[in-house]
C-alpha atoms as a PDB file:
ATOM      1  CA  UNK A   1     180.121  49.392  79.613  1.00  0.00           C
ATOM      2  CA  UNK A   2     178.721  47.413  76.714  1.00  0.00           C
ATOM      3  CA  UNK A   3     175.130  47.458  75.469  1.00  0.00           C
ATOM      4  CA  UNK A   4     174.367  43.978  76.840  1.00  0.00           C
ATOM      5  CA  UNK A   5     175.417  45.016  80.348  1.00  0.00           C
ATOM      6  CA  UNK A   6     173.316  48.194  80.112  1.00  0.00           C
ATOM      7  CA  UNK A   7     170.316  46.115  79.073  1.00  0.00           C
ATOM      8  CA  UNK A   8     170.838  43.874  82.107  1.00  0.00           C
ATOM      9  CA  UNK A   9     170.770  46.973  84.299  1.00  0.00           C
ATOM     10  CA  UNK A  10     167.465  48.172  82.857  1.00  0.00           C
ATOM     11  CA  UNK A  11     164.344  47.001  84.630  1.00  0.00           C
ATOM     12  CA  UNK A  12     160.653  47.613  83.941  1.00  0.00           C
ATOM     13  CA  UNK A  13     159.762  50.944  82.346  1.00  0.00           C
ATOM     14  CA  UNK A  14     163.430  51.793  81.938  1.00  0.00           C
ATOM     15  CA  UNK A  15     164.066  51.780  85.677  1.00  0.00           C
ATOM     16  CA  UNK A  16     167.736  51.121  86.190  1.00  0.00           C
ATOM     17  CA  UNK A  17     169.154  48.511  88.490  1.00  0.00           C
ATOM     18  CA  UNK A  18     172.008  50.466  90.050  1.00  0.00           C
ATOM     19  CA  UNK A  19     172.393  47.726  92.637  1.00  0.00           C
ATOM     20  CA  UNK A  20     173.896  45.505  89.912  1.00  0.00           C
ATOM     21  CA  UNK A  21     176.653  47.993  89.195  1.00  0.00           C
ATOM     22  CA  UNK A  22     179.964  47.829  90.990  1.00  0.00           C
ATOM     23  CA  UNK A  23     180.406  51.574  90.711  1.00  0.00           C
ATOM     24  CA  UNK A  24     178.625  54.520  89.106  1.00  0.00           C
ATOM     25  CA  UNK A  25     181.864  56.520  89.215  1.00  0.00           C
ATOM     26  CA  UNK A  26     183.821  55.935  86.018  1.00  0.00           C
ATOM     27  CA  UNK A  27     186.624  58.472  86.424  1.00  0.00           C
ATOM     28  CA  UNK A  28     188.192  60.326  89.321  1.00  0.00           C
ATOM     29  CA  UNK A  29     190.402  62.542  87.119  1.00  0.00           C
ATOM     30  CA  UNK A  30     188.819  65.488  88.935  1.00  0.00           C
ATOM     31  CA  UNK A  31     188.094  64.268  92.490  1.00  0.00           C
ATOM     32  CA  UNK A  32     185.900  67.310  93.146  1.00  0.00           C
ATOM     33  CA  UNK A  33     183.787  66.486  90.104  1.00  0.00           C
ATOM     34  CA  UNK A  34     184.022  62.780  89.170  1.00  0.00           C
ATOM     35  CA  UNK A  35     182.568  61.327  85.997  1.00  0.00           C
ATOM     36  CA  UNK A  36     179.550  59.104  86.592  1.00  0.00           C
ATOM     37  CA  UNK A  37     177.638  56.661  84.432  1.00  0.00           C
ATOM     38  CA  UNK A  38     173.868  56.959  84.355  1.00  0.00           C
ATOM     39  CA  UNK A  39     172.867  53.533  83.001  1.00  0.00           C
ATOM     40  CA  UNK A  40     170.833  53.736  79.858  1.00  0.00           C
ATOM     41  CA  UNK A  41     171.445  57.478  79.639  1.00  0.00           C
ATOM     42  CA  UNK A  42     175.154  58.291  79.429  1.00  0.00           C
ATOM     43  CA  UNK A  43     178.186  59.709  81.188  1.00  0.00           C
ATOM     44  CA  UNK A  44     178.163  63.027  83.014  1.00  0.00           C
ATOM     45  CA  UNK A  45     180.358  64.964  85.353  1.00  0.00           C
ATOM     46  CA  UNK A  46     178.664  64.791  88.748  1.00  0.00           C
ATOM     47  CA  UNK A  47     178.120  68.567  88.716  1.00  0.00           C
ATOM     48  CA  UNK A  48     176.714  68.405  85.174  1.00  0.00           C
ATOM     49  CA  UNK A  49     174.341  65.634  86.206  1.00  0.00           C
ATOM     50  CA  UNK A  50     173.125  67.643  89.190  1.00  0.00           C
ATOM     51  CA  UNK A  51     172.517  70.655  86.924  1.00  0.00           C
ATOM     52  CA  UNK A  52     170.559  68.449  84.516  1.00  0.00           C
ATOM     53  CA  UNK A  53     168.397  67.101  87.350  1.00  0.00           C
ATOM     54  CA  UNK A  54     167.777  70.613  88.689  1.00  0.00           C
ATOM     55  CA  UNK A  55     166.523  71.690  85.247  1.00  0.00           C
ATOM     56  CA  UNK A  56     164.235  68.659  85.040  1.00  0.00           C
ATOM     57  CA  UNK A  57     162.823  69.412  88.492  1.00  0.00           C
ATOM     58  CA  UNK A  58     162.304  73.066  87.564  1.00  0.00           C
ATOM     59  CA  UNK A  59     160.414  71.885  84.483  1.00  0.00           C
ATOM     60  CA  UNK A  60     158.188  69.698  86.681  1.00  0.00           C
ATOM     61  CA  UNK A  61     157.461  72.663  88.946  1.00  0.00           C
ATOM     62  CA  UNK A  62     156.547  74.819  85.938  1.00  0.00           C
ATOM     63  CA  UNK A  63     154.263  72.072  84.691  1.00  0.00           C
ATOM     64  CA  UNK A  64     152.294  71.777  87.942  1.00  0.00           C
ATOM     65  CA  UNK A  65     152.180  75.560  88.425  1.00  0.00           C
ATOM     66  CA  UNK A  66     150.199  75.990  85.211  1.00  0.00           C
ATOM     67  CA  UNK A  67     146.432  76.329  85.144  1.00  0.00           C
ATOM     68  CA  UNK A  68     146.177  73.363  82.808  1.00  0.00           C
ATOM     69  CA  UNK A  69     143.822  70.789  84.366  1.00  0.00           C
ATOM     70  CA  UNK A  70     146.012  68.022  82.951  1.00  0.00           C
ATOM     71  CA  UNK A  71     149.194  69.444  84.495  1.00  0.00           C
ATOM     72  CA  UNK A  72     149.497  66.818  87.216  1.00  0.00           C
ATOM     73  CA  UNK A  73     148.997  63.996  84.727  1.00  0.00           C
ATOM     74  CA  UNK A  74     151.688  65.540  82.528  1.00  0.00           C
ATOM     75  CA  UNK A  75     154.054  65.920  85.479  1.00  0.00           C
ATOM     76  CA  UNK A  76     153.415  62.344  86.563  1.00  0.00           C
ATOM     77  CA  UNK A  77     154.149  61.083  83.040  1.00  0.00           C
ATOM     78  CA  UNK A  78     157.370  63.104  82.894  1.00  0.00           C
ATOM     79  CA  UNK A  79     158.457  61.786  86.276  1.00  0.00           C
ATOM     80  CA  UNK A  80     157.755  58.164  85.405  1.00  0.00           C
ATOM     81  CA  UNK A  81     159.063  58.186  81.837  1.00  0.00           C
ATOM     82  CA  UNK A  82     161.945  60.604  81.921  1.00  0.00           C
ATOM     83  CA  UNK A  83     165.458  59.733  83.012  1.00  0.00           C
ATOM     84  CA  UNK A  84     164.961  61.822  86.155  1.00  0.00           C
ATOM     85  CA  UNK A  85     164.540  58.892  88.537  1.00  0.00           C
ATOM     86  CA  UNK A  86     167.660  57.040  87.380  1.00  0.00           C
ATOM     87  CA  UNK A  87     169.631  60.289  87.363  1.00  0.00           C
ATOM     88  CA  UNK A  88     168.654  60.992  90.967  1.00  0.00           C
ATOM     89  CA  UNK A  89     169.490  57.428  91.974  1.00  0.00           C
ATOM     90  CA  UNK A  90     172.899  57.782  90.306  1.00  0.00           C
ATOM     91  CA  UNK A  91     173.637  61.002  92.211  1.00  0.00           C
ATOM     92  CA  UNK A  92     172.753  59.296  95.486  1.00  0.00           C
ATOM     93  CA  UNK A  93     174.895  56.255  94.599  1.00  0.00           C
ATOM     94  CA  UNK A  94     177.843  58.485  93.643  1.00  0.00           C
ATOM     95  CA  UNK A  95     177.630  60.358  96.941  1.00  0.00           C
ATOM     96  CA  UNK A  96     177.548  57.050  98.819  1.00  0.00           C
ATOM     97  CA  UNK A  97     180.631  55.815  96.925  1.00  0.00           C
ATOM     98  CA  UNK A  98     182.472  59.064  97.619  1.00  0.00           C
ATOM     99  CA  UNK A  99     181.703  58.802 101.351  1.00  0.00           C
ATOM    100  CA  UNK A 100     183.237  55.317 101.412  1.00  0.00           C
ATOM    101  CA  UNK A 101     186.495  56.415  99.751  1.00  0.00           C
END
């Protein structure tokens, strides 16, 4: 996918418009672990993407478990500004595509 198309997919604050994409799955070489495109982020195996999201969620949990009074503000910033949201949306879209195949 070219840069111009990726820019079209990006909305406010980097939120990605997955609804404009025909497919998030870019390769079915390994049907048990297809390659997916996370717009504005990159290509991942579906399992690799899930692992990445798990690590990001674990980091959020560690942030809010601290005694730092600003922890929730930090977690909110990470959630809004990190690629987490688009990664989660891509996982959901990939699962939906796989169900339809």
